[in-house]
C-alpha atoms as a PDB file:
ATOM      1  CA  SER A   1     -27.734  -0.051  -2.478  1.00  0.00           C
ATOM      2  CA  GLU A   2     -23.977   0.171  -3.044  1.00  0.00           C
ATOM      3  CA  ALA A   3     -21.160   2.669  -3.493  1.00  0.00           C
ATOM      4  CA  ALA A   4     -17.866   1.256  -4.745  1.00  0.00           C
ATOM      5  CA  LEU A   5     -14.514   2.402  -6.059  1.00  0.00           C
ATOM      6  CA  GLY A   6     -13.008   0.630  -9.040  1.00  0.00           C
ATOM      7  CA  ALA A   7     -10.324   0.752 -11.693  1.00  0.00           C
ATOM      8  CA  ASP A   8     -10.479  -0.061 -15.391  1.00  0.00           C
ATOM      9  CA  MET A   9      -7.908  -1.625 -17.751  1.00  0.00           C
ATOM     10  CA  GLU A  10      -6.472   1.824 -18.539  1.00  0.00           C
ATOM     11  CA  GLY A  11      -5.917   2.711 -14.880  1.00  0.00           C
ATOM     12  CA  ARG A  12      -8.825   5.131 -14.635  1.00  0.00           C
ATOM     13  CA  ILE A  13     -10.752   5.447 -11.378  1.00  0.00           C
ATOM     14  CA  LEU A  14     -14.395   4.401 -11.497  1.00  0.00           C
ATOM     15  CA  LEU A  15     -16.908   5.673  -8.956  1.00  0.00           C
ATOM     16  CA  VAL A  16     -19.762   3.161  -8.949  1.00  0.00           C
ATOM     17  CA  PHE A  17     -23.211   3.655  -7.437  1.00  0.00           C
ATOM     18  CA  SER A  18     -26.346   1.507  -7.486  1.00  0.00           C
ATOM     19  CA  ARG A  19     -29.543   2.376  -5.643  1.00  0.00           C
ATOM     20  CA  SER A  20     -31.097  -0.894  -6.791  1.00  0.00           C
ATOM     21  CA  PRO A  21     -30.556  -3.748  -4.358  1.00  0.00           C
ATOM     22  CA  PHE A  22     -28.393  -6.596  -5.639  1.00  0.00           C
ATOM     23  CA  SER A  23     -26.778  -9.465  -3.803  1.00  0.00           C
ATOM     24  CA  MET A  24     -23.009  -8.961  -3.876  1.00  0.00           C
ATOM     25  CA  PRO A  25     -22.466 -11.815  -6.392  1.00  0.00           C
ATOM     26  CA  ASP A  26     -25.158 -10.316  -8.671  1.00  0.00           C
ATOM     27  CA  PHE A  27     -23.687  -6.811  -8.313  1.00  0.00           C
ATOM     28  CA  ILE A  28     -20.237  -8.104  -9.250  1.00  0.00           C
ATOM     29  CA  GLN A  29     -21.695  -9.869 -12.293  1.00  0.00           C
ATOM     30  CA  GLU A  30     -23.485  -6.651 -13.332  1.00  0.00           C
ATOM     31  CA  LEU A  31     -20.201  -4.728 -13.142  1.00  0.00           C
ATOM     32  CA  LEU A  32     -18.209  -7.368 -15.023  1.00  0.00           C
ATOM     33  CA  SER A  33     -20.810  -7.584 -17.810  1.00  0.00           C
ATOM     34  CA  ALA A  34     -21.177  -3.787 -18.160  1.00  0.00           C
ATOM     35  CA  GLY A  35     -18.349  -3.553 -20.717  1.00  0.00           C
ATOM     36  CA  ILE A  36     -16.452  -0.888 -18.744  1.00  0.00           C
ATOM     37  CA  GLY A  37     -13.173  -2.829 -18.512  1.00  0.00           C
ATOM     38  CA  LEU A  38     -13.364  -3.256 -14.747  1.00  0.00           C
ATOM     39  CA  VAL A  39     -10.280  -4.960 -13.304  1.00  0.00           C
ATOM     40  CA  ALA A  40     -10.654  -4.136  -9.594  1.00  0.00           C
ATOM     41  CA  ALA A  41     -13.342  -2.869  -7.232  1.00  0.00           C
ATOM     42  CA  GLN A  42     -13.671  -2.109  -3.532  1.00  0.00           C
ATOM     43  CA  HIS A  43     -16.889  -1.889  -1.533  1.00  0.00           C
ATOM     44  CA  LEU A  44     -17.179   1.536   0.110  1.00  0.00           C
ATOM     45  CA  GLU A  45     -20.646   1.663   1.658  1.00  0.00           C
ATOM     46  CA  GLY A  46     -24.071   0.100   1.341  1.00  0.00           C
ATOM     47  CA  GLY A  47     -27.673   0.935   2.172  1.00  0.00           C
ATOM     48  CA  PRO A  48     -28.820   4.492   2.920  1.00  0.00           C
ATOM     49  CA  GLU A  49     -25.214   5.512   3.637  1.00  0.00           C
ATOM     50  CA  ALA A  50     -24.156   4.655   0.055  1.00  0.00           C
ATOM     51  CA  GLN A  51     -23.916   7.975  -1.761  1.00  0.00           C
ATOM     52  CA  LEU A  52     -22.397   9.613  -4.809  1.00  0.00           C
ATOM     53  CA  TYR A  53     -22.168  13.389  -5.102  1.00  0.00           C
ATOM     54  CA  VAL A  54     -20.607  15.050  -8.148  1.00  0.00           C
ATOM     55  CA  LYS A  55     -20.344  18.759  -8.895  1.00  0.00           C
ATOM     56  CA  VAL A  56     -18.525  19.876 -12.025  1.00  0.00           C
ATOM     57  CA  GLY A  57     -19.242  23.405 -13.242  1.00  0.00           C
ATOM     58  CA  ASP A  58     -23.001  23.812 -13.484  1.00  0.00           C
ATOM     59  CA  VAL A  59     -23.639  20.066 -13.249  1.00  0.00           C
ATOM     60  CA  GLU A  60     -24.563  18.750  -9.812  1.00  0.00           C
ATOM     61  CA  LEU A  61     -25.606  15.147  -9.129  1.00  0.00           C
ATOM     62  CA  GLU A  62     -26.564  13.695  -5.750  1.00  0.00           C
ATOM     63  CA  LEU A  63     -27.426   9.998  -5.511  1.00  0.00           C
ATOM     64  CA  PHE A  64     -28.132   8.124  -2.302  1.00  0.00           C
ATOM     65  CA  GLY A  65     -29.109   4.595  -1.404  1.00  0.00           C
ATOM     66  CA  SER A  66     -31.974   3.063   0.507  1.00  0.00           C
ATOM     67  CA  TYR A  67     -32.162  -0.746   0.644  1.00  0.00           C
ATOM     68  CA  GLU A  68     -29.940  -2.578   3.134  1.00  0.00           C
ATOM     69  CA  THR A  69     -30.510  -6.229   4.057  1.00  0.00           C
ATOM     70  CA  GLY A  70     -31.487  -6.678   7.686  1.00  0.00           C
ATOM     71  CA  PHE A  71     -31.637  -2.923   8.319  1.00  0.00           C
ATOM     72  CA  ARG A  72     -33.832  -1.051   5.854  1.00  0.00           C
ATOM     73  CA  GLU A  73     -35.412  -3.460   3.422  1.00  0.00           C
ATOM     74  CA  ASP A  74     -37.329  -0.925   1.327  1.00  0.00           C
ATOM     75  CA  ASP A  75     -36.762   1.805  -1.256  1.00  0.00           C
ATOM     76  CA  GLY A  76     -38.338   4.552   0.847  1.00  0.00           C
ATOM     77  CA  ASN A  77     -35.283   6.634   1.739  1.00  0.00           C
ATOM     78  CA  ALA A  78     -35.867  10.103   0.233  1.00  0.00           C
ATOM     79  CA  THR A  79     -32.938  12.109   1.647  1.00  0.00           C
ATOM     80  CA  ALA A  80     -29.177  11.825   1.862  1.00  0.00           C
ATOM     81  CA  TRP A  81     -27.947  10.727   5.286  1.00  0.00           C
ATOM     82  CA  PRO A  82     -24.937  12.273   7.011  1.00  0.00           C
ATOM     83  CA  ILE A  83     -22.005  10.675   5.237  1.00  0.00           C
ATOM     84  CA  PRO A  84     -19.652   8.318   7.088  1.00  0.00           C
ATOM     85  CA  ASN A  85     -16.609   9.018   4.878  1.00  0.00           C
ATOM     86  CA  VAL A  86     -15.606  11.135   1.881  1.00  0.00           C
ATOM     87  CA  LEU A  87     -13.366  10.681  -1.154  1.00  0.00           C
ATOM     88  CA  GLY A  88     -12.610  13.946  -2.914  1.00  0.00           C
ATOM     89  CA  ALA A  89     -10.782  14.762  -6.116  1.00  0.00           C
ATOM     90  CA  ARG A  90      -9.839  17.931  -7.929  1.00  0.00           C
ATOM     91  CA  ARG A  91      -7.650  18.883 -10.848  1.00  0.00           C
ATOM     92  CA  LYS A  92      -4.007  19.674 -10.032  1.00  0.00           C
END
């Protein structure tokens, strides 16, 4: 599982999350072939600690990872773990 921060050709921030396990080269190829204009990306967290939480108005989305090579090699994680770091954004 992976959480990443990226940027597209127009300078927009992309918050990227994948619960599915990919090797890093395969994950990069998935992002580059997605047609989202990705020009840069930074790994933030992997495994069960990889999370994405979004709340905008009445819409709330909570995604969290599971698989991590050499640590938790299964898809059995069913709850969000305490988060190791946070990126927040709000309208000016």
